[in-house]
Protein backbone atom coordinates (compact mmCIF):
# COMPACT_ATOMS: atom_id res chain seq x y z
CA UNK A 1 138.72 181.18 284.97
CA UNK A 2 140.08 181.34 282.01
CA UNK A 3 143.33 179.30 282.25
CA UNK A 4 144.17 176.67 279.85
CA UNK A 5 143.44 174.15 283.02
CA UNK A 6 139.75 175.64 282.15
CA UNK A 7 139.36 174.70 278.65
CA UNK A 8 138.26 171.25 276.78
CA UNK A 9 142.62 170.73 276.11
CA UNK A 10 143.01 167.63 277.15
CA UNK A 11 139.84 166.21 277.64
CA UNK A 12 137.76 164.01 275.95
CA UNK A 13 134.93 165.82 274.15
CA UNK A 14 132.34 164.85 272.15
CA UNK A 15 132.12 166.42 269.07
CA UNK A 16 129.46 168.91 269.01
CA UNK A 17 126.11 168.52 267.02
CA UNK A 18 124.88 171.90 266.68
CA UNK A 19 125.82 175.44 266.15
CA UNK A 20 127.70 176.63 269.58
CA UNK A 21 129.68 179.81 269.76
CA UNK A 22 129.71 179.02 273.13
CA UNK A 23 132.50 176.02 272.51
CA UNK A 24 135.47 179.07 271.81
CA UNK A 25 138.01 179.57 274.55
CA UNK A 26 139.88 182.35 275.36
CA UNK A 27 142.94 182.06 277.30
CA UNK A 28 144.59 185.75 278.10
CA UNK A 29 147.63 187.04 276.97
CA UNK A 30 148.45 189.31 280.23
CA UNK A 31 149.96 186.74 282.05
CA UNK A 32 152.39 185.10 279.77
CA UNK A 33 153.31 188.58 278.26
CA UNK A 34 153.94 189.80 282.24
CA UNK A 35 156.12 186.65 282.84
CA UNK A 36 158.74 187.99 279.89
CA UNK A 37 158.32 191.18 281.14
CA UNK A 38 156.01 193.23 278.06
CA UNK A 39 153.65 195.14 279.23
CA UNK A 40 150.17 195.14 277.80
CA UNK A 41 149.61 199.10 277.21
CA UNK A 42 152.94 199.30 275.43
CA UNK A 43 153.41 196.82 273.47
CA UNK A 44 157.12 196.30 271.76
CA UNK A 45 155.88 194.73 268.49
CA UNK A 46 153.23 194.98 265.65
CA UNK A 47 151.86 191.51 264.60
CA UNK A 48 148.99 188.83 264.25
CA UNK A 49 147.91 185.47 264.38
CA UNK A 50 147.30 183.59 261.20
CA UNK A 51 144.78 180.75 261.29
CA UNK A 52 144.37 178.23 258.30
CA UNK A 53 141.46 176.24 258.54
CA UNK A 54 141.16 173.33 256.50
CA UNK A 55 138.56 171.66 257.68
CA UNK A 56 135.53 173.83 257.11
CA UNK A 57 131.82 172.60 256.19
CA UNK A 58 128.33 173.58 256.59
CA UNK A 59 124.79 173.72 255.39
CA UNK A 60 122.69 175.67 252.79
CA UNK A 61 119.42 176.36 253.55
CA UNK A 62 118.09 173.45 251.03
CA UNK A 63 119.96 171.03 253.02
CA UNK A 64 123.21 170.64 250.82
CA UNK A 65 126.85 171.04 252.40
CA UNK A 66 129.05 173.48 251.09
CA UNK A 67 132.89 173.08 251.83
CA UNK A 68 135.94 175.97 252.36
CA UNK A 69 139.15 176.58 253.57
CA UNK A 70 139.01 179.67 255.56
CA UNK A 71 142.32 182.32 256.70
CA UNK A 72 141.36 183.40 259.64
CA UNK A 73 143.68 186.74 261.57
CA UNK A 74 143.39 187.96 265.08
CA UNK A 75 145.32 191.04 265.86
CA UNK A 76 148.42 190.41 268.70
CA UNK A 77 146.28 193.51 270.56
CA UNK A 78 143.96 191.65 271.15
CA UNK A 79 143.27 190.67 275.07
CA UNK A 80 142.57 187.12 274.43
CA UNK A 81 144.32 184.35 271.97
CA UNK A 82 142.10 181.42 271.00
CA UNK A 83 142.74 178.35 272.52
CA UNK A 84 142.95 175.83 269.87
CA UNK A 85 140.80 172.62 270.71
CA UNK A 86 138.27 174.97 271.69
CA UNK A 87 138.55 176.80 267.97
CA UNK A 88 138.41 172.88 266.32
CA UNK A 89 134.92 172.14 268.28
CA UNK A 90 133.67 175.00 267.20
CA UNK A 91 134.45 174.68 263.35
CA UNK A 92 132.53 170.62 263.84
CA UNK A 93 129.54 172.46 265.65
CA UNK A 94 129.20 174.62 262.33
CA UNK A 95 128.44 171.38 260.58
CA UNK A 96 125.02 170.90 260.35
CA UNK A 97 124.14 174.53 260.01
CA UNK A 98 122.18 176.62 258.06
CA UNK A 99 123.09 179.34 255.55
CA UNK A 100 121.97 181.43 253.41
CA UNK A 101 124.87 181.86 251.40
CA UNK A 102 128.57 182.27 252.08
CA UNK A 103 128.76 185.45 252.92
CA UNK A 104 126.52 185.13 256.18
CA UNK A 105 127.91 181.93 257.46
CA UNK A 106 131.44 183.63 257.11
CA UNK A 107 130.14 187.43 258.72
CA UNK A 108 128.41 184.62 261.80
CA UNK A 109 132.12 183.20 261.97
CA UNK A 110 133.72 186.15 262.16
CA UNK A 111 131.89 187.95 264.73
CA UNK A 112 131.96 184.53 267.01
CA UNK A 113 135.98 185.00 266.73
CA UNK A 114 136.23 188.64 267.88
CA UNK A 115 134.06 188.02 270.35
CA UNK A 116 135.92 185.87 271.79
CA UNK A 117 139.18 187.10 270.92
CA UNK A 118 137.74 190.52 272.39
CA UNK A 119 139.09 192.04 269.22
CA UNK A 120 138.66 192.62 265.27
CA UNK A 121 139.03 189.47 263.77
CA UNK A 122 139.11 189.00 259.52
CA UNK A 123 138.48 185.64 258.14
CA UNK A 124 138.55 185.25 254.30
CA UNK A 125 137.18 181.82 253.00
CA UNK A 126 140.27 180.68 250.13
CA UNK A 127 144.22 179.80 251.90
CA UNK A 128 147.60 180.65 250.04
CA UNK A 129 147.97 178.26 247.46
CA UNK A 130 151.59 179.37 247.21
CA UNK A 131 153.88 177.05 249.59
CA UNK A 132 157.44 177.37 250.21
CA UNK A 133 160.39 176.66 252.54
CA UNK A 134 160.90 179.96 255.36
CA UNK A 135 162.46 182.39 253.73
CA UNK A 136 166.30 183.42 254.45
CA UNK A 137 169.31 181.23 255.24
CA UNK A 138 168.85 177.94 256.95
CA UNK A 139 171.17 177.34 260.19
CA UNK A 140 170.36 173.58 259.92
CA UNK A 141 173.45 172.50 258.77
CA UNK A 142 175.52 174.27 261.10
CA UNK A 143 177.35 171.38 262.94
CA UNK A 144 177.08 171.97 266.66
CA UNK A 145 176.60 169.90 269.55
CA UNK A 146 173.25 170.70 271.88
CA UNK A 147 172.79 169.93 275.44
CA UNK A 148 169.77 172.41 276.28
CA UNK A 149 166.01 171.23 275.19
CA UNK A 150 164.77 173.51 277.80
CA UNK A 151 164.17 175.55 279.61
CA UNK A 152 164.46 178.51 276.97
CA UNK A 153 167.94 179.58 277.11
CA UNK A 154 168.65 183.28 276.16
CA UNK A 155 171.87 183.06 277.32
CA UNK A 156 172.87 181.56 273.98
CA UNK A 157 172.34 184.46 272.06
CA UNK A 158 174.68 187.41 271.34
CA UNK A 159 175.57 189.47 268.54
CA UNK A 160 178.51 191.45 267.11
CA UNK A 161 178.53 195.54 267.64
CA UNK A 162 181.06 195.86 265.09
CA UNK A 163 178.86 194.41 261.58
CA UNK A 164 175.60 195.22 260.81
CA UNK A 165 173.70 193.75 258.97
CA UNK A 166 170.18 193.37 257.22
CA UNK A 167 169.54 189.67 257.38
CA UNK A 168 167.15 186.46 257.74
CA UNK A 169 167.61 183.55 259.11
CA UNK A 170 165.59 179.81 259.28
CA UNK A 171 165.18 177.05 261.20
CA UNK A 172 163.35 173.91 260.20
CA UNK A 173 163.90 172.66 264.12
CA UNK A 174 161.70 174.55 266.23
CA UNK A 175 159.39 172.65 269.08
CA UNK A 176 157.38 173.30 271.46
CA UNK A 177 155.29 170.94 273.80
CA UNK A 178 151.04 172.32 274.29
CA UNK A 179 150.99 173.58 277.96
CA UNK A 180 148.14 171.37 279.56
CA UNK A 181 148.56 167.71 276.88
CA UNK A 182 152.23 167.74 276.28
CA UNK A 183 151.32 167.30 273.16
CA UNK A 184 154.85 168.16 270.89
CA UNK A 185 153.92 171.43 268.76
CA UNK A 186 156.29 171.55 265.57
CA UNK A 187 157.42 174.91 263.24
CA UNK A 188 159.71 176.68 261.12
CA UNK A 189 160.62 179.48 262.12
CA UNK A 190 162.46 183.11 260.55
CA UNK A 191 164.34 185.80 262.46
CA UNK A 192 164.72 188.84 259.94
CA UNK A 193 166.37 191.90 261.24
CA UNK A 194 168.87 194.62 260.66
CA UNK A 195 171.03 195.80 263.48
CA UNK A 196 174.68 193.91 265.42
CA UNK A 197 174.92 190.57 263.63
CA UNK A 198 173.67 187.54 265.49
CA UNK A 199 175.36 184.86 266.32
CA UNK A 200 173.80 182.37 264.27
CA UNK A 201 175.04 179.24 266.46
CA UNK A 202 173.88 180.23 269.46
CA UNK A 203 170.77 181.97 267.73
CA UNK A 204 170.20 178.19 266.85
CA UNK A 205 171.17 176.78 270.04
CA UNK A 206 168.45 179.03 271.88
CA UNK A 207 165.35 178.07 269.69
CA UNK A 208 166.15 174.39 270.48
CA UNK A 209 166.23 174.96 273.84
CA UNK A 210 162.68 175.42 273.00
CA UNK A 211 162.09 171.58 273.04
CA UNK A 212 160.43 170.43 275.92
CA UNK A 213 159.19 173.70 276.53
CA UNK A 214 155.36 173.76 277.50
CA UNK A 215 153.77 177.34 276.34
CA UNK A 216 150.89 178.31 273.25
CA UNK A 217 152.42 178.86 269.94
CA UNK A 218 151.70 182.78 270.52
CA UNK A 219 153.65 182.49 273.25
CA UNK A 220 156.69 181.42 271.95
CA UNK A 221 156.68 183.67 269.49
CA UNK A 222 156.42 186.55 271.56
CA UNK A 223 159.13 185.24 273.51
CA UNK A 224 161.11 184.30 271.16
CA UNK A 225 160.96 188.43 269.74
CA UNK A 226 161.45 190.20 273.03
CA UNK A 227 164.10 187.99 273.81
CA UNK A 228 166.04 188.61 270.53
CA UNK A 229 165.62 192.25 271.03
CA UNK A 230 167.29 192.01 274.97
CA UNK A 231 169.74 190.39 274.19
CA UNK A 232 170.91 191.32 270.05
CA UNK A 233 169.75 194.80 270.05
CA UNK A 234 168.50 195.04 266.81
CA UNK A 235 167.01 198.10 264.80
CA UNK A 236 164.12 196.29 264.00
CA UNK A 237 163.45 192.65 264.14
CA UNK A 238 160.65 190.52 262.84
CA UNK A 239 159.44 187.02 263.97
CA UNK A 240 157.37 184.75 262.32
CA UNK A 241 156.98 180.87 263.36
CA UNK A 242 154.45 178.40 260.94
CA UNK A 243 153.23 175.77 262.89
CA UNK A 244 152.27 172.61 261.46
CA UNK A 245 148.59 171.54 261.19
CA UNK A 246 146.71 169.59 263.46
CA UNK A 247 142.98 168.47 263.22
CA UNK A 248 142.85 170.51 260.15
CA UNK A 249 144.13 174.18 262.07
CA UNK A 250 148.00 175.40 261.30
CA UNK A 251 148.71 178.73 263.05
CA UNK A 252 151.55 181.42 262.07
CA UNK A 253 152.07 183.48 265.02
CA UNK A 254 154.29 187.41 263.01
CA UNK A 255 155.38 189.61 265.64
CA UNK A 256 157.26 192.60 264.43
CA UNK A 257 158.61 196.09 264.81
CA UNK A 258 156.52 199.07 265.17
CA UNK A 259 156.24 200.49 261.76
CA UNK A 260 157.47 196.86 260.01
CA UNK A 261 154.21 196.40 257.95
CA UNK A 262 153.18 192.91 257.26
CA UNK A 263 153.79 190.67 254.88
CA UNK A 264 153.13 191.74 251.16
CA UNK A 265 151.27 187.48 250.97
CA UNK A 266 150.77 185.34 252.64
CA UNK A 267 152.20 181.68 252.07
CA UNK A 268 152.47 178.00 253.68
CA UNK A 269 154.96 176.27 254.66
CA UNK A 270 156.71 172.60 252.65
CA UNK A 271 155.32 171.13 256.36
CA UNK A 272 151.96 172.30 256.28
């Protein structure tokens, strides 16, 4: 069974001393998508899960260590997402592995990650150097009384059909929890759209309602995309969350309406 409970999450695990691609643990996307009414065969969005790996090393053929950072992009059309703790353990298993050159190491990673996700995963050595806050107008200064911290409350979402706008709204207040360990996952999120003007207070209350919600990062972003689409009826929509780093890895799920091009550049949030 490929459920979070079957993975290394929440268990004491010895760090690997030898290369072992079987450490990678896939989590099928289907169940979480069915829960929010998304048909795997007809996804209402395009997107990817972009990882940045900051703790990456291997040996050259003479035993001298090599170090790198990497950007890894997993397409949202892949049958499975890659469970984060297994990803960290896999990267650690490369520490004592010898490769002919950097390109062989990159290709090995790309092959192993693609096999886990069930689709072609792109691996590039190097991460964005640019650091900036989330784009758009921040909602975090709104003076609100908050009562709901979970489960996610889409009833807060609404839009004014008499006003059609193109805008980007952002918040650094998104927090959810790991569905197995209960550890907090912190993120900044941006919502870019064209359509009826979204009620800002309602959107912020909705995002804060994830605070005690237990779900993987990728699933949270898909839920946000789906519920904003259903409740606010935008002409098009783009949602990106930049989660803070844990164990040398951060993840940045991005989902957008069909036809929206992926960001021309990748950036890191100030908290990453």
